[in-house]
Amino acid sequence: MATLTAVLASTHHPFYLKATELTPEAERMPQAAEWKRKVEAYRETLTAAQPELLVMVGSDHFHQFFLDNYPTFLIGKQPVYDATYYNEEREFSIPKYTLAGDEDLSGYMFQGLLDRGFDFSISHELKLDHSIICPIITTRPQADLPVVPIYTNIFAPPLPSARRFYELGRAIRSIIDEYPRDIRIAAIGTGHLSLELGGPRQFGEHGPDPEWDLKAIDWLARGDVDAVLEDVTFEKLSQSGNATPGFLDLVLMLGIAGPELAAYVDQLDLFHTREMYVTWYPNGDPREAVRA
């Protein structure tokens, strides 16, 4: 049977590579060195888990899907995925990628989700954007592992509830646990804390709601599902920034991990946003063996 070796949940910042490596050192933002150190430390939490395959959760930023046809939940099933759109190259300096897929797990996951009451869409022509590529850059820059991408709707209301996102995470977890193949799998998902895109609170000194950010990180760190389900609604999320509903993908990752304490939690207050890095080890912390 498959082994879920790690669950990672983080924000995704498309300027990370440009800000920390591609910009000349003398011109970098003041937090660049600290940001890079934190990301490299976070990367080690995935490396320690020794995954062979990545289940990746993200959302399309209106590149391939639009308000007239935006699937609530979608899984890719392809041998290969092209990644990075022109505007992401132009604005963020994100390079093009080609990632291997795993059609067997995609098909097994798709059927398992249907059997559990999740009416997924499926794509055989999915191109990946920075919600998937950012965590590749930060946690697996070699881009050498096959991926199973899952997309959710966090942008085009009406959105599913936080409970539905959490339950989807639990369903994904049960399918991975039952997958009849000897393989080590890590689940990686990215979303947002408080975030304003194109609105009056964009480009502030901090994110639009720093207090909420800290509360949200604490929920994930403690595995506090009850607090999440009680407090996280589309209306409340939107009060903290027009893109804050991206937190729902992090709720999904909590669903995959389960109501457990996180093994690793870190954060960084950046210009106009707060970055967050959380890792759970469902089958034990592999770093303990190294320390012993």
C-alpha atoms as a PDB file:
ATOM      1  CA  MET A   1       0.000   0.000   0.000  1.00  0.00           C
ATOM      2  CA  ALA A   2       1.018   3.613  -0.491  1.00  0.00           C
ATOM      3  CA  THR A   3       2.517   5.607   2.375  1.00  0.00           C
ATOM      4  CA  LEU A   4       1.692   9.265   2.909  1.00  0.00           C
ATOM      5  CA  THR A   5       5.029  10.552   4.128  1.00  0.00           C
ATOM      6  CA  ALA A   6       4.331  14.291   4.425  1.00  0.00           C
ATOM      7  CA  VAL A   7       1.647  16.937   4.027  1.00  0.00           C
ATOM      8  CA  LEU A   8       2.827  20.469   3.254  1.00  0.00           C
ATOM      9  CA  ALA A   9       0.661  23.590   3.268  1.00  0.00           C
ATOM     10  CA  SER A  10       2.038  26.988   2.378  1.00  0.00           C
ATOM     11  CA  THR A  11       1.326  30.285   0.752  1.00  0.00           C
ATOM     12  CA  HIS A  12       2.621  30.716  -2.788  1.00  0.00           C
ATOM     13  CA  HIS A  13       4.386  33.900  -3.736  1.00  0.00           C
ATOM     14  CA  PRO A  14       5.148  34.142  -7.469  1.00  0.00           C
ATOM     15  CA  PHE A  15       7.947  36.674  -6.921  1.00  0.00           C
ATOM     16  CA  TYR A  16      10.031  34.367  -4.696  1.00  0.00           C
ATOM     17  CA  LEU A  17      12.535  33.264  -7.341  1.00  0.00           C
ATOM     18  CA  LYS A  18      12.875  36.738  -8.817  1.00  0.00           C
ATOM     19  CA  ALA A  19      13.219  38.400  -5.418  1.00  0.00           C
ATOM     20  CA  THR A  20      15.766  36.007  -3.893  1.00  0.00           C
ATOM     21  CA  GLU A  21      17.889  34.782  -6.795  1.00  0.00           C
ATOM     22  CA  LEU A  22      17.279  36.496 -10.132  1.00  0.00           C
ATOM     23  CA  THR A  23      17.501  40.095  -8.916  1.00  0.00           C
ATOM     24  CA  PRO A  24      21.073  41.406  -8.443  1.00  0.00           C
ATOM     25  CA  GLU A  25      22.002  41.151  -4.769  1.00  0.00           C
ATOM     26  CA  ALA A  26      22.405  44.893  -4.314  1.00  0.00           C
ATOM     27  CA  GLU A  27      18.869  45.482  -5.583  1.00  0.00           C
ATOM     28  CA  ARG A  28      17.066  42.780  -3.581  1.00  0.00           C
ATOM     29  CA  MET A  29      14.369  43.517  -1.018  1.00  0.00           C
ATOM     30  CA  PRO A  30      15.599  43.708   2.592  1.00  0.00           C
ATOM     31  CA  GLN A  31      13.938  40.398   3.534  1.00  0.00           C
ATOM     32  CA  ALA A  32      15.369  38.451   0.578  1.00  0.00           C
ATOM     33  CA  ALA A  33      18.106  36.593   2.458  1.00  0.00           C
ATOM     34  CA  GLU A  34      15.842  35.682   5.369  1.00  0.00           C
ATOM     35  CA  TRP A  35      13.109  34.598   2.970  1.00  0.00           C
ATOM     36  CA  LYS A  36      15.493  32.301   1.132  1.00  0.00           C
ATOM     37  CA  ARG A  37      16.756  30.779   4.389  1.00  0.00           C
ATOM     38  CA  LYS A  38      13.217  30.049   5.526  1.00  0.00           C
ATOM     39  CA  VAL A  39      12.253  28.472   2.223  1.00  0.00           C
ATOM     40  CA  GLU A  40      15.363  26.300   2.182  1.00  0.00           C
ATOM     41  CA  ALA A  41      14.625  25.130   5.727  1.00  0.00           C
ATOM     42  CA  TYR A  42      11.056  24.339   4.704  1.00  0.00           C
ATOM     43  CA  ARG A  43      12.332  22.426   1.682  1.00  0.00           C
ATOM     44  CA  GLU A  44      14.194  20.105   4.014  1.00  0.00           C
ATOM     45  CA  THR A  45      10.910  18.987   5.583  1.00  0.00           C
ATOM     46  CA  LEU A  46       9.909  17.520   2.229  1.00  0.00           C
ATOM     47  CA  THR A  47      13.346  16.131   1.451  1.00  0.00           C
ATOM     48  CA  ALA A  48      13.371  14.281   4.778  1.00  0.00           C
ATOM     49  CA  ALA A  49      10.129  12.505   3.830  1.00  0.00           C
ATOM     50  CA  GLN A  50      11.752  10.998   0.711  1.00  0.00           C
ATOM     51  CA  PRO A  51       8.649  11.125  -1.490  1.00  0.00           C
ATOM     52  CA  GLU A  52       8.443   9.369  -4.846  1.00  0.00           C
ATOM     53  CA  LEU A  53       5.278  11.103  -6.048  1.00  0.00           C
ATOM     54  CA  LEU A  54       3.551  14.405  -5.282  1.00  0.00           C
ATOM     55  CA  VAL A  55      -0.184  15.033  -5.010  1.00  0.00           C
ATOM     56  CA  MET A  56      -0.401  18.786  -5.536  1.00  0.00           C
ATOM     57  CA  VAL A  57      -3.330  21.086  -4.720  1.00  0.00           C
ATOM     58  CA  GLY A  58      -3.675  24.505  -6.310  1.00  0.00           C
ATOM     59  CA  SER A  59      -6.017  26.740  -8.266  1.00  0.00           C
ATOM     60  CA  ASP A  60      -6.051  28.160 -11.758  1.00  0.00           C
ATOM     61  CA  HIS A  61      -5.558  31.936 -11.775  1.00  0.00           C
ATOM     62  CA  PHE A  62      -7.954  32.455 -14.719  1.00  0.00           C
ATOM     63  CA  HIS A  63      -5.376  31.131 -17.154  1.00  0.00           C
ATOM     64  CA  GLN A  64      -7.268  28.101 -18.403  1.00  0.00           C
ATOM     65  CA  PHE A  65     -10.649  28.479 -16.705  1.00  0.00           C
ATOM     66  CA  PHE A  66     -12.865  31.560 -16.497  1.00  0.00           C
ATOM     67  CA  LEU A  67     -16.061  32.799 -14.861  1.00  0.00           C
ATOM     68  CA  ASP A  68     -18.164  31.201 -17.600  1.00  0.00           C
ATOM     69  CA  ASN A  69     -16.660  27.738 -17.067  1.00  0.00           C
ATOM     70  CA  TYR A  70     -14.732  27.282 -13.826  1.00  0.00           C
ATOM     71  CA  PRO A  71     -14.829  23.731 -12.377  1.00  0.00           C
ATOM     72  CA  THR A  72     -15.382  23.467  -8.651  1.00  0.00           C
ATOM     73  CA  PHE A  73     -12.925  20.582  -8.329  1.00  0.00           C
ATOM     74  CA  LEU A  74     -10.716  19.131 -11.071  1.00  0.00           C
ATOM     75  CA  ILE A  75      -7.973  16.532 -11.369  1.00  0.00           C
ATOM     76  CA  GLY A  76      -5.414  16.200 -14.130  1.00  0.00           C
ATOM     77  CA  LYS A  77      -4.718  12.862 -15.774  1.00  0.00           C
ATOM     78  CA  GLN A  78      -1.817  13.160 -18.188  1.00  0.00           C
ATOM     79  CA  PRO A  79       1.599  11.596 -18.785  1.00  0.00           C
ATOM     80  CA  VAL A  80       3.188  15.061 -18.914  1.00  0.00           C
ATOM     81  CA  TYR A  81       2.206  18.589 -17.825  1.00  0.00           C
ATOM     82  CA  ASP A  82       3.471  21.798 -19.337  1.00  0.00           C
ATOM     83  CA  ALA A  83       3.688  24.654 -16.867  1.00  0.00           C
ATOM     84  CA  THR A  84       4.012  28.420 -16.642  1.00  0.00           C
ATOM     85  CA  TYR A  85       2.023  30.918 -18.676  1.00  0.00           C
ATOM     86  CA  TYR A  86       3.433  33.864 -20.582  1.00  0.00           C
ATOM     87  CA  ASN A  87       2.365  36.493 -18.066  1.00  0.00           C
ATOM     88  CA  GLU A  88       4.029  34.481 -15.270  1.00  0.00           C
ATOM     89  CA  GLU A  89       7.283  34.455 -17.224  1.00  0.00           C
ATOM     90  CA  ARG A  90       6.963  38.148 -18.022  1.00  0.00           C
ATOM     91  CA  GLU A  91       5.939  39.480 -14.612  1.00  0.00           C
ATOM     92  CA  PHE A  92       7.442  36.995 -12.167  1.00  0.00           C
ATOM     93  CA  SER A  93      10.360  35.518 -14.158  1.00  0.00           C
ATOM     94  CA  ILE A  94       9.062  32.007 -13.478  1.00  0.00           C
ATOM     95  CA  PRO A  95      10.687  29.636 -15.979  1.00  0.00           C
ATOM     96  CA  LYS A  96       8.840  27.084 -18.051  1.00  0.00           C
ATOM     97  CA  TYR A  97       8.593  23.588 -16.615  1.00  0.00           C
ATOM     98  CA  THR A  98       7.635  20.150 -17.841  1.00  0.00           C
ATOM     99  CA  LEU A  99       6.472  17.819 -15.076  1.00  0.00           C
ATOM    100  CA  ALA A 100       5.823  14.105 -15.351  1.00  0.00           C
ATOM    101  CA  GLY A 101       2.340  12.931 -14.428  1.00  0.00           C
ATOM    102  CA  ASP A 102       1.120   9.674 -12.911  1.00  0.00           C
ATOM    103  CA  GLU A 103      -1.957   8.568 -14.804  1.00  0.00           C
ATOM    104  CA  ASP A 104      -2.506   5.494 -12.640  1.00  0.00           C
ATOM    105  CA  LEU A 105      -2.897   7.441  -9.397  1.00  0.00           C
ATOM    106  CA  SER A 106      -4.864  10.182 -11.170  1.00  0.00           C
ATOM    107  CA  GLY A 107      -7.362   7.608 -12.404  1.00  0.00           C
ATOM    108  CA  TYR A 108      -7.540   5.853  -9.048  1.00  0.00           C
ATOM    109  CA  MET A 109      -7.992   9.172  -7.254  1.00  0.00           C
ATOM    110  CA  PHE A 110     -10.676  10.327  -9.699  1.00  0.00           C
ATOM    111  CA  GLN A 111     -12.740   7.172  -9.257  1.00  0.00           C
ATOM    112  CA  GLY A 112     -12.230   7.181  -5.502  1.00  0.00           C
ATOM    113  CA  LEU A 113     -13.449  10.766  -5.238  1.00  0.00           C
ATOM    114  CA  LEU A 114     -16.553   9.980  -7.307  1.00  0.00           C
ATOM    115  CA  ASP A 115     -17.245   6.999  -5.056  1.00  0.00           C
ATOM    116  CA  ARG A 116     -17.023   9.298  -2.020  1.00  0.00           C
ATOM    117  CA  GLY A 117     -19.525  11.818  -3.382  1.00  0.00           C
ATOM    118  CA  PHE A 118     -17.146  14.359  -4.953  1.00  0.00           C
ATOM    119  CA  ASP A 119     -18.210  15.000  -8.540  1.00  0.00           C
ATOM    120  CA  PHE A 120     -14.853  15.989  -9.974  1.00  0.00           C
ATOM    121  CA  SER A 121     -14.033  17.232 -13.424  1.00  0.00           C
ATOM    122  CA  ILE A 122     -11.053  15.649 -15.146  1.00  0.00           C
ATOM    123  CA  SER A 123      -8.656  17.184 -17.653  1.00  0.00           C
ATOM    124  CA  HIS A 124      -6.323  15.537 -20.134  1.00  0.00           C
ATOM    125  CA  GLU A 125      -5.092  18.924 -21.397  1.00  0.00           C
ATOM    126  CA  LEU A 126      -4.241  20.748 -18.180  1.00  0.00           C
ATOM    127  CA  LYS A 127      -1.484  23.341 -18.165  1.00  0.00           C
ATOM    128  CA  LEU A 128      -0.186  24.218 -14.713  1.00  0.00           C
ATOM    129  CA  ASP A 129       0.240  27.730 -13.370  1.00  0.00           C
ATOM    130  CA  HIS A 130       2.141  29.179 -10.432  1.00  0.00           C
ATOM    131  CA  SER A 131      -0.102  27.676  -7.741  1.00  0.00           C
ATOM    132  CA  ILE A 132       1.636  24.382  -8.589  1.00  0.00           C
ATOM    133  CA  ILE A 133       4.977  25.687  -9.852  1.00  0.00           C
ATOM    134  CA  CYS A 134       5.692  27.955  -6.868  1.00  0.00           C
ATOM    135  CA  PRO A 135       5.831  24.998  -4.452  1.00  0.00           C
ATOM    136  CA  ILE A 136       7.916  23.081  -6.974  1.00  0.00           C
ATOM    137  CA  ILE A 137      10.401  25.972  -6.913  1.00  0.00           C
ATOM    138  CA  THR A 138      10.381  26.212  -3.119  1.00  0.00           C
ATOM    139  CA  THR A 139      10.191  22.549  -2.072  1.00  0.00           C
ATOM    140  CA  ARG A 140      11.417  20.442  -5.013  1.00  0.00           C
ATOM    141  CA  PRO A 141      13.366  22.646  -7.430  1.00  0.00           C
ATOM    142  CA  GLN A 142      14.759  19.574  -9.198  1.00  0.00           C
ATOM    143  CA  ALA A 143      11.205  19.045 -10.527  1.00  0.00           C
ATOM    144  CA  ASP A 144      12.078  15.360 -10.781  1.00  0.00           C
ATOM    145  CA  LEU A 145       8.989  13.703  -9.258  1.00  0.00           C
ATOM    146  CA  PRO A 146       5.716  12.843 -10.998  1.00  0.00           C
ATOM    147  CA  VAL A 147       2.711  14.891  -9.924  1.00  0.00           C
ATOM    148  CA  VAL A 148      -1.037  14.447  -9.639  1.00  0.00           C
ATOM    149  CA  PRO A 149      -2.504  17.977  -9.766  1.00  0.00           C
ATOM    150  CA  ILE A 150      -5.826  18.827  -8.139  1.00  0.00           C
ATOM    151  CA  TYR A 151      -7.398  22.211  -8.824  1.00  0.00           C
ATOM    152  CA  THR A 152     -10.092  23.860  -6.722  1.00  0.00           C
ATOM    153  CA  ASN A 153     -12.230  26.933  -7.212  1.00  0.00           C
ATOM    154  CA  ILE A 154     -11.159  29.648  -4.781  1.00  0.00           C
ATOM    155  CA  PHE A 155     -11.748  32.549  -7.167  1.00  0.00           C
ATOM    156  CA  ALA A 156     -15.184  32.384  -8.814  1.00  0.00           C
ATOM    157  CA  PRO A 157     -18.094  32.579  -6.327  1.00  0.00           C
ATOM    158  CA  PRO A 158     -20.135  30.802  -5.201  1.00  0.00           C
ATOM    159  CA  LEU A 159     -17.437  28.686  -3.559  1.00  0.00           C
ATOM    160  CA  PRO A 160     -17.752  25.428  -1.636  1.00  0.00           C
ATOM    161  CA  SER A 161     -17.756  25.759   2.137  1.00  0.00           C
ATOM    162  CA  ALA A 162     -14.752  25.282   4.394  1.00  0.00           C
ATOM    163  CA  ARG A 163     -16.362  22.037   5.555  1.00  0.00           C
ATOM    164  CA  ARG A 164     -16.502  20.779   1.978  1.00  0.00           C
ATOM    165  CA  PHE A 165     -12.823  21.611   1.450  1.00  0.00           C
ATOM    166  CA  TYR A 166     -11.911  19.838   4.686  1.00  0.00           C
ATOM    167  CA  GLU A 167     -14.000  16.799   3.784  1.00  0.00           C
ATOM    168  CA  LEU A 168     -12.349  16.690   0.373  1.00  0.00           C
ATOM    169  CA  GLY A 169      -9.004  16.579   2.133  1.00  0.00           C
ATOM    170  CA  ARG A 170     -10.180  13.670   4.251  1.00  0.00           C
ATOM    171  CA  ALA A 171     -11.347  11.854   1.110  1.00  0.00           C
ATOM    172  CA  ILE A 172      -7.992  12.394  -0.603  1.00  0.00           C
ATOM    173  CA  ARG A 173      -6.242  11.063   2.485  1.00  0.00           C
ATOM    174  CA  SER A 174      -8.342   7.900   2.559  1.00  0.00           C
ATOM    175  CA  ILE A 175      -7.700   7.261  -1.144  1.00  0.00           C
ATOM    176  CA  ILE A 176      -3.943   7.648  -0.714  1.00  0.00           C
ATOM    177  CA  ASP A 177      -4.013   5.313   2.295  1.00  0.00           C
ATOM    178  CA  GLU A 178      -5.890   2.691   0.245  1.00  0.00           C
ATOM    179  CA  TYR A 179      -3.877   3.052  -2.965  1.00  0.00           C
ATOM    180  CA  PRO A 180      -2.593  -0.476  -3.716  1.00  0.00           C
ATOM    181  CA  ARG A 181       0.942   0.413  -4.740  1.00  0.00           C
ATOM    182  CA  ASP A 182       4.196   0.437  -2.811  1.00  0.00           C
ATOM    183  CA  ILE A 183       5.080   4.097  -3.198  1.00  0.00           C
ATOM    184  CA  ARG A 184       5.891   7.044  -0.943  1.00  0.00           C
ATOM    185  CA  ILE A 185       3.568   9.996  -1.541  1.00  0.00           C
ATOM    186  CA  ALA A 186       3.692  13.569  -0.278  1.00  0.00           C
ATOM    187  CA  ALA A 187       0.767  15.984  -0.564  1.00  0.00           C
ATOM    188  CA  ILE A 188       1.616  19.632  -1.195  1.00  0.00           C
ATOM    189  CA  GLY A 189      -0.944  22.423  -1.367  1.00  0.00           C
ATOM    190  CA  THR A 190      -0.726  26.182  -1.547  1.00  0.00           C
ATOM    191  CA  GLY A 191      -3.161  29.010  -0.957  1.00  0.00           C
ATOM    192  CA  HIS A 192      -3.377  32.406   0.667  1.00  0.00           C
ATOM    193  CA  LEU A 193      -3.490  34.077   4.029  1.00  0.00           C
ATOM    194  CA  SER A 194      -5.023  37.566   3.965  1.00  0.00           C
ATOM    195  CA  LEU A 195      -4.411  38.915   0.496  1.00  0.00           C
ATOM    196  CA  GLU A 196      -5.671  41.804  -1.631  1.00  0.00           C
ATOM    197  CA  LEU A 197      -5.226  41.696  -5.404  1.00  0.00           C
ATOM    198  CA  GLY A 198      -6.027  44.836  -7.360  1.00  0.00           C
ATOM    199  CA  GLY A 199      -7.951  46.382  -4.476  1.00  0.00           C
ATOM    200  CA  PRO A 200      -7.334  49.346  -2.183  1.00  0.00           C
ATOM    201  CA  ARG A 201      -5.449  47.271   0.404  1.00  0.00           C
ATOM    202  CA  GLN A 202      -2.881  45.881  -2.036  1.00  0.00           C
ATOM    203  CA  PHE A 203       0.802  46.748  -1.571  1.00  0.00           C
ATOM    204  CA  GLY A 204       0.545  47.785   2.049  1.00  0.00           C
ATOM    205  CA  GLU A 205       3.386  47.448   4.521  1.00  0.00           C
ATOM    206  CA  HIS A 206       1.829  44.161   5.679  1.00  0.00           C
ATOM    207  CA  GLY A 207      -0.958  41.903   4.498  1.00  0.00           C
ATOM    208  CA  PRO A 208      -4.446  43.410   4.711  1.00  0.00           C
ATOM    209  CA  ASP A 209      -5.282  41.598   7.976  1.00  0.00           C
ATOM    210  CA  PRO A 210      -2.157  40.685   9.979  1.00  0.00           C
ATOM    211  CA  GLU A 211      -4.112  39.661  13.078  1.00  0.00           C
ATOM    212  CA  TRP A 212      -6.220  37.214  11.091  1.00  0.00           C
ATOM    213  CA  ASP A 213      -3.066  35.791   9.501  1.00  0.00           C
ATOM    214  CA  LEU A 214      -1.663  34.842  12.893  1.00  0.00           C
ATOM    215  CA  LYS A 215      -4.966  33.289  13.938  1.00  0.00           C
ATOM    216  CA  ALA A 216      -5.151  31.243  10.735  1.00  0.00           C
ATOM    217  CA  ILE A 217      -1.582  29.970  11.120  1.00  0.00           C
ATOM    218  CA  ASP A 218      -2.386  28.936  14.693  1.00  0.00           C
ATOM    219  CA  TRP A 219      -5.444  26.973  13.533  1.00  0.00           C
ATOM    220  CA  LEU A 220      -3.322  24.986  11.109  1.00  0.00           C
ATOM    221  CA  ALA A 221      -0.423  24.531  13.531  1.00  0.00           C
ATOM    222  CA  ARG A 222      -2.744  23.093  16.194  1.00  0.00           C
ATOM    223  CA  GLY A 223      -4.931  21.152  13.771  1.00  0.00           C
ATOM    224  CA  ASP A 224      -7.906  23.048  15.146  1.00  0.00           C
ATOM    225  CA  VAL A 225     -10.580  21.870  12.731  1.00  0.00           C
ATOM    226  CA  ASP A 226     -13.459  23.066  14.931  1.00  0.00           C
ATOM    227  CA  ALA A 227     -12.195  26.653  14.919  1.00  0.00           C
ATOM    228  CA  VAL A 228     -11.713  26.583  11.163  1.00  0.00           C
ATOM    229  CA  LEU A 229     -15.183  25.239  10.449  1.00  0.00           C
ATOM    230  CA  GLU A 230     -16.777  27.695  12.864  1.00  0.00           C
ATOM    231  CA  ASP A 231     -14.985  30.817  11.673  1.00  0.00           C
ATOM    232  CA  VAL A 232     -14.107  30.337   8.001  1.00  0.00           C
ATOM    233  CA  THR A 233     -16.817  31.532   5.627  1.00  0.00           C
ATOM    234  CA  PHE A 234     -16.570  33.250   2.259  1.00  0.00           C
ATOM    235  CA  GLU A 235     -17.924  36.453   3.762  1.00  0.00           C
ATOM    236  CA  LYS A 236     -15.438  36.511   6.636  1.00  0.00           C
ATOM    237  CA  LEU A 237     -12.527  35.589   4.415  1.00  0.00           C
ATOM    238  CA  SER A 238     -13.399  38.353   1.964  1.00  0.00           C
ATOM    239  CA  GLN A 239     -13.403  40.903   4.775  1.00  0.00           C
ATOM    240  CA  SER A 240      -9.696  40.111   5.240  1.00  0.00           C
ATOM    241  CA  GLY A 241      -8.871  40.676   1.562  1.00  0.00           C
ATOM    242  CA  ASN A 242     -10.464  39.926  -1.768  1.00  0.00           C
ATOM    243  CA  ALA A 243      -8.138  36.948  -2.404  1.00  0.00           C
ATOM    244  CA  THR A 244      -8.213  35.567   1.152  1.00  0.00           C
ATOM    245  CA  PRO A 245     -10.641  32.760   0.142  1.00  0.00           C
ATOM    246  CA  GLY A 246      -7.472  31.082  -1.124  1.00  0.00           C
ATOM    247  CA  PHE A 247      -7.129  29.953   2.500  1.00  0.00           C
ATOM    248  CA  LEU A 248      -9.671  27.253   1.633  1.00  0.00           C
ATOM    249  CA  ASP A 249      -6.946  25.264  -0.119  1.00  0.00           C
ATOM    250  CA  LEU A 250      -5.008  25.274   3.144  1.00  0.00           C
ATOM    251  CA  VAL A 251      -8.122  23.963   4.892  1.00  0.00           C
ATOM    252  CA  LEU A 252      -8.106  21.138   2.340  1.00  0.00           C
ATOM    253  CA  MET A 253      -4.511  20.344   3.284  1.00  0.00           C
ATOM    254  CA  LEU A 254      -5.516  20.244   6.951  1.00  0.00           C
ATOM    255  CA  GLY A 255      -8.106  17.690   5.867  1.00  0.00           C
ATOM    256  CA  ILE A 256      -5.411  15.513   4.320  1.00  0.00           C
ATOM    257  CA  ALA A 257      -3.251  15.804   7.444  1.00  0.00           C
ATOM    258  CA  GLY A 258      -6.133  15.387   9.880  1.00  0.00           C
ATOM    259  CA  PRO A 259      -6.681  17.172  13.205  1.00  0.00           C
ATOM    260  CA  GLU A 260      -3.058  16.820  14.287  1.00  0.00           C
ATOM    261  CA  LEU A 261      -0.340  19.129  15.544  1.00  0.00           C
ATOM    262  CA  ALA A 262       1.985  20.238  12.774  1.00  0.00           C
ATOM    263  CA  ALA A 263       5.596  19.085  12.966  1.00  0.00           C
ATOM    264  CA  TYR A 264       6.949  22.264  11.401  1.00  0.00           C
ATOM    265  CA  VAL A 265       5.575  25.817  11.354  1.00  0.00           C
ATOM    266  CA  ASP A 266       7.252  28.975  10.117  1.00  0.00           C
ATOM    267  CA  GLN A 267       6.220  32.340   8.728  1.00  0.00           C
ATOM    268  CA  LEU A 268       7.601  35.590   7.356  1.00  0.00           C
ATOM    269  CA  ASP A 269       5.984  39.016   7.285  1.00  0.00           C
ATOM    270  CA  LEU A 270       6.675  40.429   3.845  1.00  0.00           C
ATOM    271  CA  PHE A 271       5.664  43.572   2.054  1.00  0.00           C
ATOM    272  CA  HIS A 272       1.867  43.311   1.439  1.00  0.00           C
ATOM    273  CA  THR A 273       1.616  39.652   2.502  1.00  0.00           C
ATOM    274  CA  ARG A 274       2.613  37.106   5.139  1.00  0.00           C
ATOM    275  CA  GLU A 275       4.214  33.871   3.998  1.00  0.00           C
ATOM    276  CA  MET A 276       3.493  30.641   5.880  1.00  0.00           C
ATOM    277  CA  TYR A 277       5.077  27.176   5.848  1.00  0.00           C
ATOM    278  CA  VAL A 278       3.513  24.174   7.612  1.00  0.00           C
ATOM    279  CA  THR A 279       4.374  20.457   7.468  1.00  0.00           C
ATOM    280  CA  TRP A 280       2.688  17.416   8.996  1.00  0.00           C
ATOM    281  CA  TYR A 281       4.107  13.892   9.057  1.00  0.00           C
ATOM    282  CA  PRO A 282       1.122  11.504   9.186  1.00  0.00           C
ATOM    283  CA  ASN A 283       3.281   8.405   9.684  1.00  0.00           C
ATOM    284  CA  GLY A 284       5.936   9.815  11.970  1.00  0.00           C
ATOM    285  CA  ASP A 285       8.577  12.500  11.708  1.00  0.00           C
ATOM    286  CA  PRO A 286      11.472  11.115   9.631  1.00  0.00           C
ATOM    287  CA  ARG A 287      13.775  13.725  11.120  1.00  0.00           C
ATOM    288  CA  GLU A 288      13.568  12.001  14.516  1.00  0.00           C
ATOM    289  CA  ALA A 289      15.482   8.994  13.191  1.00  0.00           C
ATOM    290  CA  VAL A 290      18.236  11.274  11.932  1.00  0.00           C
ATOM    291  CA  ARG A 291      18.450  13.075  15.282  1.00  0.00           C
ATOM    292  CA  ALA A 292      18.594   9.735  17.137  1.00  0.00           C
END
